[in-house]
Each structure stands twice: as structure tokens, then as C-alpha cells.
């Protein structure tokens, strides 16, 4: 039969393991959320550039290379 010390140690081990797993899961969620936000900002910036070029093209018609560069 297992002693009280062994049972206590196993209980503490499983409790600590659960806490550590929860902490790692939370950290992974935070990192994923941060990366999603960065990607959204990048896509929005690219869309702004595309809309600007489309508006310029709509107002000017044909675009010269220097107009795009500007």
C-alpha cells in the first residue's frame, strides 16, 4: 500500500502539471492572437494601398510609372 507521502506527492505533481499546462496553453493563445492582429494590420495596409491605386486609376485613367511610385 502506498504511503501518505507518496499519495501527496502524486497529487501535488498532477496539480502542478495541470497549472503548467494551463499556463502554456494561455501563452500559446496570446501568441496566436498577437500574430493574427499583426496579419490583420498588414492586410489592411495592403488594401489601403490597393484602394489608393484604384482611385488614382479611376480619376486619371492611364497611370505612368512615376505616378505609382509617388
N, C-alpha and C. Protein backbone atom coordinates (compact mmCIF):
# COMPACT_ATOMS: atom_id res chain seq x y z
N UNK A 1 0.83 -1.17 0.00
CA UNK A 1 0.00 0.00 0.00
C UNK A 1 0.89 1.25 0.00
N UNK A 2 0.45 2.26 -0.76
CA UNK A 2 1.22 3.50 -0.88
C UNK A 2 1.10 4.31 0.40
N UNK A 3 2.20 4.94 0.75
CA UNK A 3 2.20 5.79 1.93
C UNK A 3 1.55 7.12 1.64
N UNK A 4 1.20 7.83 2.69
CA UNK A 4 0.56 9.14 2.56
C UNK A 4 1.46 10.13 1.83
N UNK A 5 2.78 10.02 2.03
CA UNK A 5 3.72 10.92 1.37
C UNK A 5 3.72 10.73 -0.14
N UNK A 6 3.65 9.46 -0.56
CA UNK A 6 3.65 9.17 -1.99
C UNK A 6 2.36 9.68 -2.62
N UNK A 7 1.25 9.45 -1.98
CA UNK A 7 -0.04 9.91 -2.48
C UNK A 7 -0.07 11.43 -2.55
N UNK A 8 0.46 12.10 -1.53
CA UNK A 8 0.51 13.56 -1.53
C UNK A 8 1.41 14.07 -2.64
N UNK A 9 2.54 13.40 -2.83
CA UNK A 9 3.46 13.81 -3.90
C UNK A 9 2.81 13.66 -5.27
N UNK A 10 2.13 12.55 -5.49
CA UNK A 10 1.45 12.34 -6.77
C UNK A 10 0.35 13.38 -6.99
N UNK A 11 -0.41 13.67 -5.96
CA UNK A 11 -1.46 14.69 -6.06
C UNK A 11 -0.89 16.05 -6.39
N UNK A 12 0.20 16.41 -5.71
CA UNK A 12 0.85 17.69 -5.97
C UNK A 12 1.41 17.73 -7.39
N UNK A 13 2.01 16.62 -7.82
CA UNK A 13 2.55 16.54 -9.18
C UNK A 13 1.46 16.80 -10.21
N UNK A 14 0.33 16.13 -10.09
CA UNK A 14 -0.75 16.29 -11.07
C UNK A 14 -1.36 17.69 -11.03
N UNK A 15 -1.43 18.26 -9.85
CA UNK A 15 -1.95 19.63 -9.72
C UNK A 15 -1.01 20.62 -10.40
N UNK A 16 0.28 20.51 -10.11
CA UNK A 16 1.27 21.41 -10.72
C UNK A 16 1.32 21.22 -12.23
N UNK A 17 1.22 19.98 -12.68
CA UNK A 17 1.24 19.70 -14.11
C UNK A 17 0.05 20.38 -14.80
N UNK A 18 -1.11 20.32 -14.19
CA UNK A 18 -2.29 20.97 -14.75
C UNK A 18 -2.13 22.47 -14.83
N UNK A 19 -1.57 23.08 -13.77
CA UNK A 19 -1.33 24.52 -13.78
C UNK A 19 -0.36 24.92 -14.88
N UNK A 20 0.73 24.16 -15.00
CA UNK A 20 1.72 24.47 -16.02
C UNK A 20 1.13 24.33 -17.43
N UNK A 21 0.32 23.30 -17.62
CA UNK A 21 -0.30 23.09 -18.93
C UNK A 21 -1.25 24.24 -19.26
N UNK A 22 -2.02 24.68 -18.28
CA UNK A 22 -2.93 25.81 -18.49
C UNK A 22 -2.15 27.08 -18.83
N UNK A 23 -1.03 27.28 -18.15
CA UNK A 23 -0.21 28.46 -18.41
C UNK A 23 0.38 28.42 -19.82
N UNK A 24 0.86 27.26 -20.24
CA UNK A 24 1.40 27.13 -21.59
C UNK A 24 0.32 27.32 -22.64
N UNK A 25 -0.88 26.80 -22.39
CA UNK A 25 -1.99 26.98 -23.33
C UNK A 25 -2.35 28.46 -23.46
N UNK A 26 -2.39 29.16 -22.34
CA UNK A 26 -2.71 30.59 -22.36
C UNK A 26 -1.65 31.37 -23.12
N UNK A 27 -0.39 31.03 -22.90
CA UNK A 27 0.71 31.70 -23.61
C UNK A 27 0.60 31.46 -25.11
N UNK A 28 0.29 30.24 -25.51
CA UNK A 28 0.14 29.92 -26.94
C UNK A 28 -1.03 30.70 -27.54
N UNK A 29 -2.13 30.81 -26.81
CA UNK A 29 -3.29 31.60 -27.30
C UNK A 29 -2.91 33.06 -27.47
N UNK A 30 -2.17 33.60 -26.50
CA UNK A 30 -1.74 35.00 -26.59
C UNK A 30 -0.85 35.23 -27.80
N UNK A 31 0.09 34.33 -28.03
CA UNK A 31 0.98 34.46 -29.20
C UNK A 31 0.19 34.38 -30.50
N UNK A 32 -0.73 33.44 -30.56
CA UNK A 32 -1.54 33.29 -31.77
C UNK A 32 -2.38 34.54 -32.01
N UNK A 33 -2.96 35.08 -30.96
CA UNK A 33 -3.78 36.30 -31.07
C UNK A 33 -2.92 37.47 -31.56
N UNK A 34 -1.72 37.58 -31.04
CA UNK A 34 -0.81 38.65 -31.45
C UNK A 34 -0.45 38.53 -32.93
N UNK A 35 -0.19 37.32 -33.39
CA UNK A 35 0.15 37.10 -34.80
C UNK A 35 -1.04 37.40 -35.71
N UNK A 36 -2.24 37.05 -35.28
CA UNK A 36 -3.44 37.35 -36.06
C UNK A 36 -3.62 38.86 -36.19
N UNK A 37 -3.41 39.58 -35.10
CA UNK A 37 -3.54 41.04 -35.14
C UNK A 37 -2.52 41.66 -36.10
N UNK A 38 -1.28 41.16 -36.07
CA UNK A 38 -0.25 41.68 -36.98
C UNK A 38 -0.62 41.40 -38.43
N UNK A 39 -1.14 40.23 -38.69
CA UNK A 39 -1.55 39.88 -40.05
C UNK A 39 -2.71 40.75 -40.51
N UNK A 40 -3.68 41.00 -39.63
CA UNK A 40 -4.80 41.87 -39.98
C UNK A 40 -4.33 43.28 -40.32
N UNK A 41 -3.41 43.82 -39.56
CA UNK A 41 -2.88 45.16 -39.83
C UNK A 41 -2.18 45.17 -41.18
N UNK A 42 -1.39 44.15 -41.44
CA UNK A 42 -0.67 44.07 -42.71
C UNK A 42 -1.63 44.00 -43.90
N UNK A 43 -2.67 43.20 -43.78
CA UNK A 43 -3.65 43.09 -44.86
C UNK A 43 -4.39 44.41 -45.05
N UNK A 44 -4.77 45.05 -43.97
CA UNK A 44 -5.47 46.34 -44.07
C UNK A 44 -4.60 47.40 -44.75
N UNK A 45 -3.32 47.42 -44.42
CA UNK A 45 -2.41 48.38 -45.07
C UNK A 45 -2.30 48.10 -46.56
N UNK A 46 -2.20 46.84 -46.91
CA UNK A 46 -2.12 46.47 -48.33
C UNK A 46 -3.40 46.86 -49.06
N UNK A 47 -4.54 46.66 -48.40
CA UNK A 47 -5.81 47.03 -49.02
C UNK A 47 -5.91 48.54 -49.21
N UNK A 48 -5.39 49.31 -48.26
CA UNK A 48 -5.40 50.77 -48.41
C UNK A 48 -4.60 51.20 -49.63
N UNK A 49 -3.45 50.57 -49.83
CA UNK A 49 -2.62 50.89 -51.00
C UNK A 49 -3.37 50.53 -52.28
N UNK A 50 -3.98 49.37 -52.30
CA UNK A 50 -4.72 48.95 -53.50
C UNK A 50 -5.89 49.89 -53.80
N UNK A 51 -6.62 50.29 -52.76
CA UNK A 51 -7.73 51.24 -52.97
C UNK A 51 -7.21 52.58 -53.48
N UNK A 52 -6.06 53.01 -52.97
CA UNK A 52 -5.48 54.28 -53.44
C UNK A 52 -5.11 54.20 -54.90
N UNK A 53 -4.48 53.11 -55.30
CA UNK A 53 -4.11 52.92 -56.70
C UNK A 53 -5.35 52.84 -57.58
N UNK A 54 -6.36 52.14 -57.11
CA UNK A 54 -7.61 52.02 -57.87
C UNK A 54 -8.27 53.39 -58.02
N UNK A 55 -8.27 54.20 -56.97
CA UNK A 55 -8.86 55.54 -57.03
C UNK A 55 -8.07 56.43 -57.99
N UNK A 56 -6.75 56.35 -57.93
CA UNK A 56 -5.92 57.13 -58.83
C UNK A 56 -6.19 56.72 -60.27
N UNK A 57 -6.27 55.44 -60.51
CA UNK A 57 -6.54 54.94 -61.86
C UNK A 57 -7.92 55.40 -62.34
N UNK A 58 -8.91 55.38 -61.45
CA UNK A 58 -10.26 55.80 -61.82
C UNK A 58 -10.29 57.28 -62.16
N UNK A 59 -9.50 58.09 -61.47
CA UNK A 59 -9.54 59.53 -61.73
C UNK A 59 -8.63 59.94 -62.88
N UNK A 60 -7.51 59.26 -63.08
CA UNK A 60 -6.54 59.65 -64.08
C UNK A 60 -6.63 58.84 -65.37
N UNK A 61 -7.22 57.66 -65.27
CA UNK A 61 -7.22 56.78 -66.43
C UNK A 61 -5.93 55.99 -66.46
N UNK A 62 -5.11 56.29 -67.42
CA UNK A 62 -3.84 55.57 -67.55
C UNK A 62 -2.84 56.11 -66.51
N UNK A 63 -2.08 55.21 -65.92
CA UNK A 63 -1.11 55.60 -64.89
C UNK A 63 0.32 55.45 -65.42
N UNK A 64 1.11 56.45 -65.17
CA UNK A 64 2.53 56.38 -65.50
C UNK A 64 3.28 55.77 -64.31
N UNK A 65 4.43 55.21 -64.58
CA UNK A 65 5.22 54.59 -63.54
C UNK A 65 5.54 55.56 -62.41
N UNK A 66 5.86 56.81 -62.73
CA UNK A 66 6.22 57.77 -61.68
C UNK A 66 5.01 58.09 -60.79
N UNK A 67 3.80 58.03 -61.35
CA UNK A 67 2.60 58.27 -60.52
C UNK A 67 2.45 57.17 -59.47
N UNK A 68 2.69 55.95 -59.86
CA UNK A 68 2.61 54.83 -58.91
C UNK A 68 3.69 54.94 -57.85
N UNK A 69 4.86 55.35 -58.28
CA UNK A 69 5.97 55.48 -57.34
C UNK A 69 5.66 56.54 -56.29
N UNK A 70 5.05 57.62 -56.73
CA UNK A 70 4.69 58.71 -55.84
C UNK A 70 3.64 58.25 -54.88
